[in-house]
Amino acid sequence: MTTYLALLRAINLGGHQQVAMADLRDLLRQLGFRDPQSLLQTGNLVFGGQTRTTAALERLLEAEAEKRLALQMPSPTGDGGRERRNTGSSTGRSPSSFRSP
Protein backbone atom coordinates (compact mmCIF):
# COMPACT_ATOMS: atom_id res chain seq x y z
CA MET A 1 0.00 0.00 0.00
CA THR A 2 1.20 3.51 -0.86
CA THR A 3 0.56 6.52 1.37
CA TYR A 4 -0.62 9.63 -0.48
CA LEU A 5 -0.81 13.31 0.37
CA ALA A 6 -3.39 15.46 -1.43
CA LEU A 7 -3.40 19.25 -1.07
CA LEU A 8 -6.74 20.36 -2.44
CA ARG A 9 -6.69 24.01 -3.48
CA ALA A 10 -9.48 26.55 -2.93
CA ILE A 11 -11.41 24.49 -0.38
CA ASN A 12 -13.30 26.42 2.33
CA LEU A 13 -11.76 29.77 1.37
CA GLY A 14 -13.79 32.91 1.88
CA GLY A 15 -17.08 31.05 1.97
CA HIS A 16 -16.48 29.38 -1.40
CA GLN A 17 -16.49 25.64 -2.08
CA GLN A 18 -17.51 24.78 1.45
CA VAL A 19 -17.08 21.10 2.20
CA ALA A 20 -16.82 19.21 5.45
CA MET A 21 -13.62 17.25 5.89
CA ALA A 22 -15.76 14.28 6.95
CA ASP A 23 -17.32 14.38 3.45
CA LEU A 24 -13.88 14.37 1.81
CA ARG A 25 -12.76 11.46 4.00
CA ASP A 26 -15.98 9.60 3.16
CA LEU A 27 -15.35 10.22 -0.55
CA LEU A 28 -11.89 8.69 -0.27
CA ARG A 29 -13.27 5.66 1.57
CA GLN A 30 -15.96 5.21 -1.11
CA LEU A 31 -13.22 5.29 -3.76
CA GLY A 32 -11.45 2.44 -1.97
CA PHE A 33 -8.69 4.39 -0.21
CA ARG A 34 -7.70 3.44 3.32
CA ASP A 35 -7.47 5.45 6.55
CA PRO A 36 -8.10 8.95 5.13
CA GLN A 37 -7.06 11.72 7.50
CA SER A 38 -7.54 15.48 7.18
CA LEU A 39 -5.95 18.57 8.66
CA LEU A 40 -8.50 21.00 10.10
CA GLN A 41 -10.65 22.49 7.27
CA THR A 42 -7.76 22.90 4.83
CA GLY A 43 -8.44 20.23 2.22
CA ASN A 44 -5.10 18.62 3.05
CA LEU A 45 -5.51 14.83 3.16
CA VAL A 46 -3.35 11.79 3.86
CA PHE A 47 -4.61 8.36 2.80
CA GLY A 48 -3.46 4.95 1.66
CA GLY A 49 -4.22 2.93 -1.42
CA GLN A 50 -2.84 0.82 -4.20
CA THR A 51 -0.01 2.38 -6.14
CA ARG A 52 -1.03 4.51 -9.12
CA THR A 53 0.48 7.39 -11.02
CA THR A 54 0.09 10.91 -9.70
CA ALA A 55 -1.72 11.92 -12.89
CA ALA A 56 -4.22 9.06 -12.56
CA LEU A 57 -4.83 9.90 -8.91
CA GLU A 58 -5.36 13.59 -9.73
CA ARG A 59 -7.84 12.78 -12.49
CA LEU A 60 -9.78 10.41 -10.24
CA LEU A 61 -9.96 12.83 -7.29
CA GLU A 62 -10.87 15.81 -9.48
CA ALA A 63 -13.62 13.96 -11.32
CA GLU A 64 -15.14 12.35 -8.25
CA ALA A 65 -14.97 15.51 -6.11
CA GLU A 66 -16.77 17.40 -8.86
CA LYS A 67 -19.37 14.68 -9.41
CA ARG A 68 -20.08 13.74 -5.78
CA LEU A 69 -19.35 16.97 -3.89
CA ALA A 70 -19.83 19.65 -6.61
CA LEU A 71 -16.24 20.87 -6.11
CA GLN A 72 -14.25 22.53 -8.88
CA MET A 73 -10.53 21.81 -8.54
CA PRO A 74 -8.53 24.71 -10.01
CA SER A 75 -5.16 24.00 -11.53
CA PRO A 76 -2.13 25.36 -9.67
CA THR A 77 -1.37 27.75 -12.55
CA GLY A 78 -4.97 28.89 -13.03
CA ASP A 79 -4.85 28.18 -16.76
CA GLY A 80 -5.54 24.46 -16.89
CA GLY A 81 -1.83 23.59 -16.79
CA ARG A 82 -0.03 21.80 -14.02
CA GLU A 83 3.19 23.50 -13.00
CA ARG A 84 3.42 21.52 -9.82
CA ARG A 85 1.57 18.53 -8.45
CA ASN A 86 -0.96 18.72 -5.65
CA THR A 87 -0.91 15.02 -4.91
CA GLY A 88 1.91 12.61 -4.34
CA SER A 89 3.05 9.61 -2.43
CA SER A 90 4.83 9.74 0.88
CA THR A 91 6.96 7.22 2.66
CA GLY A 92 7.03 9.13 5.94
CA ARG A 93 4.57 9.24 8.80
CA SER A 94 1.65 11.64 8.85
CA PRO A 95 1.95 14.67 11.11
CA SER A 96 0.17 14.15 14.40
CA SER A 97 -2.18 17.04 13.52
CA PHE A 98 -3.76 14.94 10.75
CA ARG A 99 -6.72 13.09 12.15
CA SER A 100 -9.83 11.18 11.38
CA PRO A 101 -12.77 10.92 13.75
C-alpha atoms as a PDB file:
ATOM      1  CA  MET A   1       0.000   0.000   0.000  1.00  0.00           C
ATOM      2  CA  THR A   2       1.196   3.507  -0.857  1.00  0.00           C
ATOM      3  CA  THR A   3       0.562   6.520   1.374  1.00  0.00           C
ATOM      4  CA  TYR A   4      -0.616   9.629  -0.482  1.00  0.00           C
ATOM      5  CA  LEU A   5      -0.813  13.307   0.375  1.00  0.00           C
ATOM      6  CA  ALA A   6      -3.390  15.462  -1.428  1.00  0.00           C
ATOM      7  CA  LEU A   7      -3.395  19.247  -1.069  1.00  0.00           C
ATOM      8  CA  LEU A   8      -6.741  20.356  -2.445  1.00  0.00           C
ATOM      9  CA  ARG A   9      -6.694  24.009  -3.476  1.00  0.00           C
ATOM     10  CA  ALA A  10      -9.476  26.550  -2.927  1.00  0.00           C
ATOM     11  CA  ILE A  11     -11.411  24.492  -0.380  1.00  0.00           C
ATOM     12  CA  ASN A  12     -13.296  26.418   2.330  1.00  0.00           C
ATOM     13  CA  LEU A  13     -11.758  29.774   1.375  1.00  0.00           C
ATOM     14  CA  GLY A  14     -13.795  32.914   1.882  1.00  0.00           C
ATOM     15  CA  GLY A  15     -17.084  31.051   1.968  1.00  0.00           C
ATOM     16  CA  HIS A  16     -16.484  29.381  -1.399  1.00  0.00           C
ATOM     17  CA  GLN A  17     -16.488  25.639  -2.084  1.00  0.00           C
ATOM     18  CA  GLN A  18     -17.506  24.778   1.452  1.00  0.00           C
ATOM     19  CA  VAL A  19     -17.082  21.097   2.198  1.00  0.00           C
ATOM     20  CA  ALA A  20     -16.816  19.211   5.453  1.00  0.00           C
ATOM     21  CA  MET A  21     -13.615  17.249   5.888  1.00  0.00           C
ATOM     22  CA  ALA A  22     -15.761  14.284   6.946  1.00  0.00           C
ATOM     23  CA  ASP A  23     -17.318  14.380   3.453  1.00  0.00           C
ATOM     24  CA  LEU A  24     -13.882  14.370   1.810  1.00  0.00           C
ATOM     25  CA  ARG A  25     -12.759  11.463   4.003  1.00  0.00           C
ATOM     26  CA  ASP A  26     -15.982   9.596   3.163  1.00  0.00           C
ATOM     27  CA  LEU A  27     -15.353  10.217  -0.548  1.00  0.00           C
ATOM     28  CA  LEU A  28     -11.890   8.690  -0.274  1.00  0.00           C
ATOM     29  CA  ARG A  29     -13.267   5.660   1.568  1.00  0.00           C
ATOM     30  CA  GLN A  30     -15.965   5.208  -1.107  1.00  0.00           C
ATOM     31  CA  LEU A  31     -13.220   5.292  -3.757  1.00  0.00           C
ATOM     32  CA  GLY A  32     -11.447   2.444  -1.974  1.00  0.00           C
ATOM     33  CA  PHE A  33      -8.691   4.387  -0.206  1.00  0.00           C
ATOM     34  CA  ARG A  34      -7.703   3.443   3.324  1.00  0.00           C
ATOM     35  CA  ASP A  35      -7.471   5.448   6.545  1.00  0.00           C
ATOM     36  CA  PRO A  36      -8.096   8.947   5.130  1.00  0.00           C
ATOM     37  CA  GLN A  37      -7.060  11.721   7.499  1.00  0.00           C
ATOM     38  CA  SER A  38      -7.541  15.478   7.182  1.00  0.00           C
ATOM     39  CA  LEU A  39      -5.948  18.572   8.657  1.00  0.00           C
ATOM     40  CA  LEU A  40      -8.502  21.004  10.105  1.00  0.00           C
ATOM     41  CA  GLN A  41     -10.652  22.490   7.272  1.00  0.00           C
ATOM     42  CA  THR A  42      -7.763  22.902   4.829  1.00  0.00           C
ATOM     43  CA  GLY A  43      -8.444  20.234   2.216  1.00  0.00           C
ATOM     44  CA  ASN A  44      -5.096  18.616   3.050  1.00  0.00           C
ATOM     45  CA  LEU A  45      -5.506  14.833   3.160  1.00  0.00           C
ATOM     46  CA  VAL A  46      -3.351  11.795   3.855  1.00  0.00           C
ATOM     47  CA  PHE A  47      -4.614   8.359   2.801  1.00  0.00           C
ATOM     48  CA  GLY A  48      -3.464   4.950   1.661  1.00  0.00           C
ATOM     49  CA  GLY A  49      -4.219   2.927  -1.423  1.00  0.00           C
ATOM     50  CA  GLN A  50      -2.842   0.816  -4.200  1.00  0.00           C
ATOM     51  CA  THR A  51      -0.014   2.380  -6.142  1.00  0.00           C
ATOM     52  CA  ARG A  52      -1.031   4.512  -9.123  1.00  0.00           C
ATOM     53  CA  THR A  53       0.484   7.387 -11.015  1.00  0.00           C
ATOM     54  CA  THR A  54       0.095  10.911  -9.701  1.00  0.00           C
ATOM     55  CA  ALA A  55      -1.715  11.918 -12.892  1.00  0.00           C
ATOM     56  CA  ALA A  56      -4.220   9.059 -12.560  1.00  0.00           C
ATOM     57  CA  LEU A  57      -4.827   9.898  -8.912  1.00  0.00           C
ATOM     58  CA  GLU A  58      -5.358  13.595  -9.734  1.00  0.00           C
ATOM     59  CA  ARG A  59      -7.840  12.775 -12.491  1.00  0.00           C
ATOM     60  CA  LEU A  60      -9.780  10.415 -10.237  1.00  0.00           C
ATOM     61  CA  LEU A  61      -9.963  12.829  -7.294  1.00  0.00           C
ATOM     62  CA  GLU A  62     -10.874  15.812  -9.476  1.00  0.00           C
ATOM     63  CA  ALA A  63     -13.623  13.955 -11.321  1.00  0.00           C
ATOM     64  CA  GLU A  64     -15.143  12.347  -8.247  1.00  0.00           C
ATOM     65  CA  ALA A  65     -14.969  15.515  -6.109  1.00  0.00           C
ATOM     66  CA  GLU A  66     -16.772  17.400  -8.864  1.00  0.00           C
ATOM     67  CA  LYS A  67     -19.373  14.678  -9.408  1.00  0.00           C
ATOM     68  CA  ARG A  68     -20.075  13.742  -5.783  1.00  0.00           C
ATOM     69  CA  LEU A  69     -19.351  16.972  -3.893  1.00  0.00           C
ATOM     70  CA  ALA A  70     -19.833  19.650  -6.608  1.00  0.00           C
ATOM     71  CA  LEU A  71     -16.243  20.872  -6.115  1.00  0.00           C
ATOM     72  CA  GLN A  72     -14.249  22.527  -8.884  1.00  0.00           C
ATOM     73  CA  MET A  73     -10.528  21.810  -8.544  1.00  0.00           C
ATOM     74  CA  PRO A  74      -8.530  24.713 -10.009  1.00  0.00           C
ATOM     75  CA  SER A  75      -5.156  24.002 -11.534  1.00  0.00           C
ATOM     76  CA  PRO A  76      -2.128  25.364  -9.666  1.00  0.00           C
ATOM     77  CA  THR A  77      -1.374  27.746 -12.552  1.00  0.00           C
ATOM     78  CA  GLY A  78      -4.972  28.891 -13.028  1.00  0.00           C
ATOM     79  CA  ASP A  79      -4.848  28.183 -16.759  1.00  0.00           C
ATOM     80  CA  GLY A  80      -5.543  24.462 -16.890  1.00  0.00           C
ATOM     81  CA  GLY A  81      -1.833  23.591 -16.794  1.00  0.00           C
ATOM     82  CA  ARG A  82      -0.028  21.801 -14.024  1.00  0.00           C
ATOM     83  CA  GLU A  83       3.186  23.501 -13.002  1.00  0.00           C
ATOM     84  CA  ARG A  84       3.420  21.516  -9.820  1.00  0.00           C
ATOM     85  CA  ARG A  85       1.575  18.526  -8.446  1.00  0.00           C
ATOM     86  CA  ASN A  86      -0.955  18.721  -5.646  1.00  0.00           C
ATOM     87  CA  THR A  87      -0.906  15.016  -4.914  1.00  0.00           C
ATOM     88  CA  GLY A  88       1.905  12.615  -4.338  1.00  0.00           C
ATOM     89  CA  SER A  89       3.047   9.613  -2.429  1.00  0.00           C
ATOM     90  CA  SER A  90       4.830   9.739   0.879  1.00  0.00           C
ATOM     91  CA  THR A  91       6.960   7.215   2.664  1.00  0.00           C
ATOM     92  CA  GLY A  92       7.033   9.128   5.945  1.00  0.00           C
ATOM     93  CA  ARG A  93       4.573   9.244   8.800  1.00  0.00           C
ATOM     94  CA  SER A  94       1.646  11.643   8.853  1.00  0.00           C
ATOM     95  CA  PRO A  95       1.953  14.674  11.109  1.00  0.00           C
ATOM     96  CA  SER A  96       0.170  14.151  14.403  1.00  0.00           C
ATOM     97  CA  SER A  97      -2.183  17.038  13.521  1.00  0.00           C
ATOM     98  CA  PHE A  98      -3.763  14.942  10.751  1.00  0.00           C
ATOM     99  CA  ARG A  99      -6.724  13.093  12.147  1.00  0.00           C
ATOM    100  CA  SER A 100      -9.833  11.181  11.382  1.00  0.00           C
ATOM    101  CA  PRO A 101     -12.773  10.921  13.754  1.00  0.00           C
END
